[in-house]
């Protein structure tokens, strides 16, 4: 961030009084610009015994399978965002959303929230962000071609929990060591 979105003046990065983190600060209008994590909302859509997955059309991980999910929009509830993303990516309509997994990924400043959801019909087709969508039985999940660890964890929990019929809310921090010596 180089310029203030309020007045257009150049920003400086420093710790404001009463804070403990560096922020972008405008000395011209005294605005402190906070940059906070982005929220990703998604669904684990279920039809009978199968789950709906989307093959990503966009980077990162284009061509890999994922649950329908995306960034929450301003002025949108998390459930509305998860429902919208499911329709945008898979042209699938869901109901009975129930919070299921929460993942914090501080290394990319994202928080993922997935809801178990019932598909209202088995109808689905690729949206503009998907190359393909399909319903999968557990034994047919493309485990080696899943786009992200949060997808794998959510699916593993789901199939394990389905056996008992109890679906607790699961929460996990995914910590990636950002030390440059580990990126050689």
Foldseek 3Di string as FASTA:
>chain_A
DAADPVPGHGWDWDADPPGDHTFTADPVVGDTDDDAFWEKAAEQEDEDQWTKWFQFCDDDLHRFIFGQMDTDDPPADSVRRHQVSCCQAWVWGWDDWDWFEWEAEVVRRYIYIYTYTYTPDPDTFGHPGGPGMDIDHPVRPPVVRHRDPVRVVRSVLVVVCVVVVDGDHYYYYDYDDPPPVVVD
